[in-house]
Amino acid sequence: MSFSLSGFATSSSSSDQKHVKVLVLGSGPAGLAAALYAARAELAPVVLTGMELGGQAALTHTIENYPGFPEGVGGPQLGELFQKQAERFGATVEFNTAQAVDLSQRPFKVSTDNGDYLADSLIIATGARPNHLEIPGEYELTGKGVSYCATCDGWFFKDKKVVVVGGGDSALEEGLFLTRFASSVTIIHRRESLRAGKVLQNRAFNDPKVHFVWNSIVTEVLDSGGAGKVTGVALKNVQTGETSTLETDGVFIFIGHTPNTQMFEGQIEMRDGGYIVSNMHMETNVPGVFVAGEVADNHFRQVITSAGMGAAAAIQATHFLEKEEAIKA
């Protein structure tokens, strides 16, 4: 992964305070698209990258469904292009992480590892992280057969066997999507019945490519040949304790997402699961605070939709600041 960090602060102290018009939290597609639009409005936005440069998209080996790249584009490469375009118009991208946020008054105060920011407007694009199984082999083989996005990676499993872990709507939706490519899809669920809606269940039960392993959990992702790719999974029946292995070329894990909103709890309206509530203009219930990407979107979770939300958030932030200036004048 190669990102330039033109705005990296190396000598700030905790007593420093930087006043900015637009502060963007998060450097995924939503955050960098917001930075681009805010920069083109000459608002000199500052982006705090967080711990993952480029967001979740940067962890994807190849993105083949983003318009303009008919041959596909690497996730890290796309993030770098997003960043360069935003910086070209005056955005500053800082390798820095917000530790605490105060939304009780404006300018909003954001405390970071390298000092405090006072922001006239704030765009929250901190994203969401897929829930992990936390088992051996999962992290080591992520991107090498382990995936959390069928839409992103399904094409790579043409005529191959895959397993899907989970029993909710996302697991079945993604599992059914994978039948377009895979020769077989085995859904592994820890219970003896699914949580997904009946329509999805019926589709899955009636699809000849879809198979089920009930009352079982995956205890390890296997790389039996040591070649750095998935060859199977180790299973345990939660009722009998019996263990077994299942050969597979890919493991798709859909056991939910967790939005990165912990620091905003009690300060902004959220819905079940911790996702930030916004209207169609990306406005939250706190005037001057906007939201974009998977921190608010638990349905689409695509690079293109996150980027669109980021652009909308920046446009609304621009209108908000313009109205404020007009009132002052």
Protein backbone atom coordinates (compact mmCIF):
# COMPACT_ATOMS: atom_id res chain seq x y z
CA MET A 1 0.00 0.00 0.00
CA SER A 2 1.47 3.31 -1.03
CA PHE A 3 0.00 6.56 0.19
CA SER A 4 1.76 9.90 0.47
CA LEU A 5 1.21 11.72 3.74
CA SER A 6 1.76 15.31 2.72
CA GLY A 7 0.05 16.74 5.78
CA PHE A 8 1.67 14.49 8.38
CA ALA A 9 2.31 16.42 11.59
CA THR A 10 5.47 15.49 13.44
CA SER A 11 5.96 18.17 16.05
CA SER A 12 2.51 19.03 17.37
CA SER A 13 1.93 18.99 21.10
CA SER A 14 -1.29 18.14 22.90
CA SER A 15 -1.80 21.87 23.55
CA ASP A 16 -1.88 22.74 19.84
CA GLN A 17 -5.22 23.73 18.33
CA LYS A 18 -5.78 23.97 14.60
CA HIS A 19 -8.89 25.73 13.31
CA VAL A 20 -10.30 24.37 10.04
CA LYS A 21 -13.48 24.95 8.09
CA VAL A 22 -14.06 21.30 7.20
CA LEU A 23 -12.61 18.35 9.07
CA VAL A 24 -13.09 14.89 7.58
CA LEU A 25 -12.72 11.84 9.79
CA GLY A 26 -11.74 8.82 7.71
CA SER A 27 -9.73 8.24 4.55
CA GLY A 28 -11.83 5.66 2.73
CA PRO A 29 -13.76 6.42 -0.47
CA ALA A 30 -16.37 8.43 1.46
CA GLY A 31 -13.84 10.58 3.30
CA LEU A 32 -11.59 11.23 0.31
CA ALA A 33 -14.52 12.00 -2.00
CA ALA A 34 -15.77 14.47 0.61
CA ALA A 35 -12.31 16.01 0.78
CA LEU A 36 -12.21 16.39 -3.01
CA TYR A 37 -15.53 18.22 -3.16
CA ALA A 38 -14.75 20.40 -0.16
CA ALA A 39 -11.34 21.24 -1.61
CA ARG A 40 -12.88 22.25 -4.94
CA ALA A 41 -15.13 24.58 -2.95
CA GLU A 42 -11.91 26.15 -1.61
CA LEU A 43 -12.64 25.13 1.98
CA ALA A 44 -9.16 23.66 2.57
CA PRO A 45 -10.43 20.46 4.20
CA VAL A 46 -8.25 18.38 6.47
CA VAL A 47 -8.60 14.59 6.45
CA LEU A 48 -7.61 12.53 9.46
CA THR A 49 -6.83 9.10 8.04
CA GLY A 50 -7.52 6.96 11.09
CA MET A 51 -5.69 3.66 11.47
CA GLU A 52 -6.44 2.34 7.97
CA LEU A 53 -5.32 4.44 5.03
CA GLY A 54 -7.89 4.11 2.30
CA GLY A 55 -10.45 2.39 4.51
CA GLN A 56 -11.69 -1.13 3.87
CA ALA A 57 -11.39 -0.65 0.10
CA ALA A 58 -7.61 -0.57 0.47
CA LEU A 59 -7.74 -4.12 1.82
CA THR A 60 -9.32 -5.41 -1.40
CA HIS A 61 -6.82 -6.89 -3.83
CA THR A 62 -8.72 -5.91 -6.97
CA ILE A 63 -11.84 -3.76 -7.36
CA GLU A 64 -13.57 -4.56 -10.63
CA ASN A 65 -16.90 -2.78 -10.21
CA TYR A 66 -15.74 0.82 -9.87
CA PRO A 67 -16.56 2.78 -13.06
CA GLY A 68 -13.66 3.96 -15.17
CA PHE A 69 -11.43 0.95 -14.62
CA PRO A 70 -12.49 -1.70 -17.16
CA GLU A 71 -9.56 -3.94 -16.20
CA GLY A 72 -10.09 -3.42 -12.49
CA VAL A 73 -7.96 -1.48 -10.04
CA GLY A 74 -6.15 -2.43 -6.85
CA GLY A 75 -7.79 -1.21 -3.68
CA PRO A 76 -4.63 0.55 -2.45
CA GLN A 77 -4.08 2.10 -5.88
CA LEU A 78 -7.62 3.47 -6.03
CA GLY A 79 -7.22 4.98 -2.57
CA GLU A 80 -3.99 6.65 -3.63
CA LEU A 81 -5.66 8.09 -6.72
CA PHE A 82 -8.51 9.42 -4.57
CA GLN A 83 -6.00 11.06 -2.26
CA LYS A 84 -3.91 12.65 -5.02
CA GLN A 85 -6.99 14.13 -6.65
CA ALA A 86 -8.20 15.64 -3.37
CA GLU A 87 -4.74 17.02 -2.59
CA ARG A 88 -4.48 18.53 -6.05
CA PHE A 89 -7.30 20.91 -5.13
CA GLY A 90 -5.97 21.77 -1.69
CA ALA A 91 -7.03 19.04 0.71
CA THR A 92 -4.58 18.03 3.43
CA VAL A 93 -4.39 14.36 4.39
CA GLU A 94 -2.87 13.70 7.79
CA PHE A 95 -1.85 10.33 9.19
CA ASN A 96 -3.62 10.95 12.45
CA THR A 97 -6.38 9.39 14.52
CA ALA A 98 -9.21 11.09 16.37
CA GLN A 99 -9.28 10.02 20.02
CA ALA A 100 -12.23 12.08 21.27
CA VAL A 101 -14.88 14.38 19.80
CA ASP A 102 -16.95 17.11 21.44
CA LEU A 103 -20.09 17.93 19.45
CA SER A 104 -21.73 19.99 22.19
CA GLN A 105 -20.74 23.32 20.65
CA ARG A 106 -19.21 24.83 17.56
CA PRO A 107 -16.52 24.88 16.51
CA PHE A 108 -16.42 21.15 17.19
CA LYS A 109 -13.39 19.96 19.10
CA VAL A 110 -11.59 16.84 17.91
CA SER A 111 -8.69 15.59 20.00
CA THR A 112 -6.03 13.56 18.21
CA ASP A 113 -2.61 12.04 18.79
CA ASN A 114 -1.05 15.22 17.40
CA GLY A 115 -3.11 17.91 19.06
CA ASP A 116 -6.64 19.31 18.88
CA TYR A 117 -8.70 20.51 15.94
CA LEU A 118 -11.49 23.08 16.04
CA ALA A 119 -13.80 22.47 13.08
CA ASP A 120 -16.57 24.70 11.76
CA SER A 121 -18.07 21.62 10.11
CA LEU A 122 -17.40 17.93 10.50
CA ILE A 123 -17.84 15.06 8.05
CA ILE A 124 -17.87 11.67 9.74
CA ALA A 125 -16.64 8.95 7.39
CA THR A 126 -15.10 6.56 9.89
CA GLY A 127 -16.59 3.49 8.18
CA ALA A 128 -17.51 0.12 9.59
CA ARG A 129 -15.52 -3.01 10.13
CA PRO A 130 -16.75 -6.51 9.31
CA ASN A 131 -17.11 -8.74 12.31
CA HIS A 132 -14.46 -11.44 12.36
CA LEU A 133 -14.56 -15.01 13.54
CA GLU A 134 -11.25 -14.50 15.39
CA ILE A 135 -9.98 -17.97 14.49
CA PRO A 136 -6.59 -19.29 13.30
CA GLY A 137 -5.93 -18.69 9.62
CA GLU A 138 -8.55 -15.98 9.20
CA TYR A 139 -6.24 -12.98 9.20
CA GLU A 140 -3.34 -14.75 7.52
CA LEU A 141 -5.51 -15.78 4.56
CA THR A 142 -7.59 -12.60 4.19
CA GLY A 143 -7.32 -11.67 0.52
CA LYS A 144 -6.03 -15.16 -0.23
CA GLY A 145 -9.35 -16.93 -0.12
CA VAL A 146 -10.92 -15.30 2.95
CA SER A 147 -13.24 -12.43 2.08
CA TYR A 148 -15.94 -10.27 3.61
CA CYS A 149 -17.45 -9.05 0.33
CA ALA A 150 -18.98 -11.34 -2.31
CA THR A 151 -19.68 -8.43 -4.65
CA CYS A 152 -16.01 -7.47 -4.52
CA ASP A 153 -14.40 -10.89 -4.78
CA GLY A 154 -16.98 -13.34 -6.13
CA TRP A 155 -15.59 -13.23 -9.68
CA PHE A 156 -12.31 -14.75 -8.50
CA PHE A 157 -14.09 -17.97 -7.53
CA LYS A 158 -15.45 -18.98 -10.91
CA ASP A 159 -16.13 -22.74 -10.97
CA LYS A 160 -14.71 -23.12 -7.45
CA LYS A 161 -16.16 -24.27 -4.15
CA VAL A 162 -16.81 -21.69 -1.48
CA VAL A 163 -18.32 -21.59 1.99
CA VAL A 164 -20.35 -18.81 3.52
CA VAL A 165 -20.38 -18.33 7.29
CA GLY A 166 -23.57 -16.85 8.72
CA GLY A 167 -27.32 -17.26 8.70
CA GLY A 168 -28.79 -13.79 8.31
CA ASP A 169 -29.96 -11.78 5.32
CA SER A 170 -26.44 -10.72 4.35
CA ALA A 171 -25.14 -14.28 4.41
CA LEU A 172 -27.92 -15.54 2.15
CA GLU A 173 -27.87 -12.53 -0.16
CA GLU A 174 -24.12 -12.84 -0.63
CA GLY A 175 -24.32 -16.62 -0.86
CA LEU A 176 -26.91 -16.45 -3.62
CA PHE A 177 -24.80 -13.85 -5.41
CA LEU A 178 -21.84 -16.23 -5.28
CA THR A 179 -23.82 -18.90 -7.14
CA ARG A 180 -23.26 -16.79 -10.27
CA PHE A 181 -19.61 -17.78 -10.13
CA ALA A 182 -18.93 -20.67 -7.77
CA SER A 183 -19.64 -24.30 -8.59
CA SER A 184 -21.06 -24.78 -5.09
CA VAL A 185 -21.86 -22.61 -2.09
CA THR A 186 -22.01 -24.20 1.36
CA ILE A 187 -23.62 -22.08 4.06
CA ILE A 188 -22.35 -22.87 7.56
CA HIS A 189 -24.62 -21.78 10.38
CA ARG A 190 -24.27 -22.32 14.11
CA ARG A 191 -28.00 -22.96 14.53
CA GLU A 192 -30.47 -25.38 12.93
CA SER A 193 -32.55 -22.63 11.36
CA LEU A 194 -31.73 -19.41 9.53
CA ARG A 195 -32.35 -15.87 10.72
CA ALA A 196 -32.79 -14.55 7.18
CA GLY A 197 -36.15 -13.57 5.71
CA LYS A 198 -38.38 -16.27 4.29
CA VAL A 199 -38.03 -15.08 0.71
CA LEU A 200 -34.25 -15.40 0.86
CA GLN A 201 -34.52 -18.74 2.62
CA ASN A 202 -36.78 -20.11 -0.08
CA ARG A 203 -34.42 -18.95 -2.81
CA ALA A 204 -31.47 -20.55 -1.08
CA PHE A 205 -33.26 -23.84 -0.37
CA ASN A 206 -34.37 -24.06 -3.99
CA ASP A 207 -30.98 -23.29 -5.51
CA PRO A 208 -29.18 -26.50 -6.53
CA LYS A 209 -25.78 -24.90 -5.94
CA VAL A 210 -26.50 -24.03 -2.30
CA HIS A 211 -25.86 -26.54 0.49
CA PHE A 212 -26.05 -26.22 4.27
CA VAL A 213 -24.06 -27.35 7.28
CA TRP A 214 -26.18 -26.87 10.40
CA ASN A 215 -25.33 -26.44 14.08
CA SER A 216 -21.68 -25.93 13.23
CA ILE A 217 -18.98 -23.31 13.61
CA VAL A 218 -15.73 -22.78 11.73
CA THR A 219 -12.80 -23.19 14.12
CA GLU A 220 -9.92 -22.70 11.67
CA VAL A 221 -9.26 -21.67 8.08
CA LEU A 222 -6.88 -24.20 6.56
CA ASP A 223 -3.94 -23.86 4.22
CA SER A 224 -2.93 -27.49 4.10
CA GLY A 225 -0.33 -27.09 1.35
CA GLY A 226 1.34 -24.06 2.89
CA ALA A 227 0.94 -22.19 -0.41
CA GLY A 228 -0.73 -19.16 1.16
CA LYS A 229 -4.25 -19.92 -0.01
CA VAL A 230 -7.40 -21.41 1.46
CA THR A 231 -7.79 -25.17 1.05
CA GLY A 232 -10.51 -25.89 3.59
CA VAL A 233 -12.07 -25.17 6.96
CA ALA A 234 -12.16 -27.03 10.25
CA LEU A 235 -15.66 -27.45 11.67
CA LYS A 236 -17.15 -28.26 15.05
CA ASN A 237 -20.72 -29.34 15.65
CA VAL A 238 -21.97 -27.24 18.57
CA GLN A 239 -24.44 -29.93 19.69
CA THR A 240 -22.33 -33.09 19.49
CA GLY A 241 -18.83 -31.63 19.69
CA GLU A 242 -17.87 -33.66 16.62
CA THR A 243 -15.08 -32.13 14.51
CA SER A 244 -14.56 -32.42 10.76
CA THR A 245 -12.94 -30.68 7.80
CA LEU A 246 -14.49 -29.38 4.62
CA GLU A 247 -12.53 -28.69 1.45
CA THR A 248 -13.13 -25.28 -0.06
CA ASP A 249 -11.40 -22.66 -2.18
CA GLY A 250 -12.90 -19.66 -0.45
CA VAL A 251 -14.39 -18.54 2.85
CA PHE A 252 -16.86 -15.66 2.88
CA ILE A 253 -17.70 -14.37 6.35
CA PHE A 254 -20.97 -12.49 6.89
CA ILE A 255 -21.67 -12.27 10.59
CA GLY A 256 -22.39 -8.56 10.66
CA HIS A 257 -20.58 -5.23 10.64
CA THR A 258 -19.73 -2.85 13.46
CA PRO A 259 -19.67 0.88 12.59
CA ASN A 260 -16.78 2.88 14.00
CA THR A 261 -18.96 5.21 16.03
CA GLN A 262 -17.92 4.58 19.61
CA MET A 263 -16.55 8.09 20.15
CA PHE A 264 -19.86 9.64 19.06
CA GLU A 265 -22.10 7.72 21.43
CA GLY A 266 -24.45 9.98 23.39
CA GLN A 267 -23.65 12.98 21.17
CA ILE A 268 -25.44 12.17 17.91
CA GLU A 269 -28.50 10.21 16.90
CA MET A 270 -27.84 6.56 16.06
CA ARG A 271 -30.03 3.64 15.14
CA ASP A 272 -29.75 0.01 16.16
CA GLY A 273 -26.26 -1.33 15.62
CA GLY A 274 -24.59 2.03 16.19
CA TYR A 275 -25.07 3.44 12.67
CA ILE A 276 -25.39 7.23 12.52
CA VAL A 277 -28.78 8.54 11.41
CA SER A 278 -28.91 11.06 8.57
CA ASN A 279 -31.41 12.47 6.11
CA MET A 280 -31.06 12.22 2.32
CA HIS A 281 -28.67 15.19 2.38
CA MET A 282 -26.21 13.43 4.71
CA GLU A 283 -27.16 15.80 7.54
CA THR A 284 -27.23 14.45 11.08
CA ASN A 285 -29.30 15.80 13.96
CA VAL A 286 -26.34 18.00 14.96
CA PRO A 287 -26.16 21.10 12.72
CA GLY A 288 -22.79 21.25 10.99
CA VAL A 289 -22.12 17.52 11.32
CA PHE A 290 -22.50 15.37 8.21
CA VAL A 291 -21.99 11.68 7.63
CA ALA A 292 -20.97 9.51 4.69
CA GLY A 293 -20.18 5.91 3.84
CA GLU A 294 -20.52 2.74 5.85
CA VAL A 295 -20.69 4.54 9.17
CA ALA A 296 -24.27 5.33 8.10
CA ASP A 297 -24.87 2.74 5.38
CA ASN A 298 -25.39 -0.86 6.44
CA HIS A 299 -27.11 -1.86 3.21
CA PHE A 300 -25.06 -1.14 0.07
CA ARG A 301 -21.50 -1.03 1.45
CA GLN A 302 -19.91 -0.35 -1.94
CA VAL A 303 -17.02 1.93 -2.93
CA ILE A 304 -19.18 3.81 -5.41
CA THR A 305 -22.05 4.44 -2.98
CA SER A 306 -19.67 5.54 -0.23
CA ALA A 307 -17.95 7.95 -2.61
CA GLY A 308 -21.31 9.37 -3.67
CA MET A 309 -22.32 9.89 -0.05
CA GLY A 310 -19.01 11.64 0.59
CA ALA A 311 -19.58 14.03 -2.29
CA ALA A 312 -23.11 14.77 -1.05
CA ALA A 313 -21.88 15.39 2.49
CA ALA A 314 -19.26 17.87 1.28
CA ILE A 315 -21.78 19.71 -0.90
CA GLN A 316 -24.11 20.07 2.08
CA ALA A 317 -21.26 21.18 4.33
CA THR A 318 -20.41 23.84 1.74
CA HIS A 319 -24.02 25.08 1.68
CA PHE A 320 -24.10 25.09 5.49
CA LEU A 321 -20.97 27.25 5.74
CA GLU A 322 -22.11 29.56 2.94
CA LYS A 323 -25.42 30.22 4.70
CA GLU A 324 -23.59 30.90 7.93
CA GLU A 325 -21.31 33.43 6.21
CA ALA A 326 -24.31 35.08 4.57
CA ILE A 327 -26.01 35.49 7.95
CA LYS A 328 -22.89 37.02 9.44
CA ALA A 329 -22.57 39.45 6.53
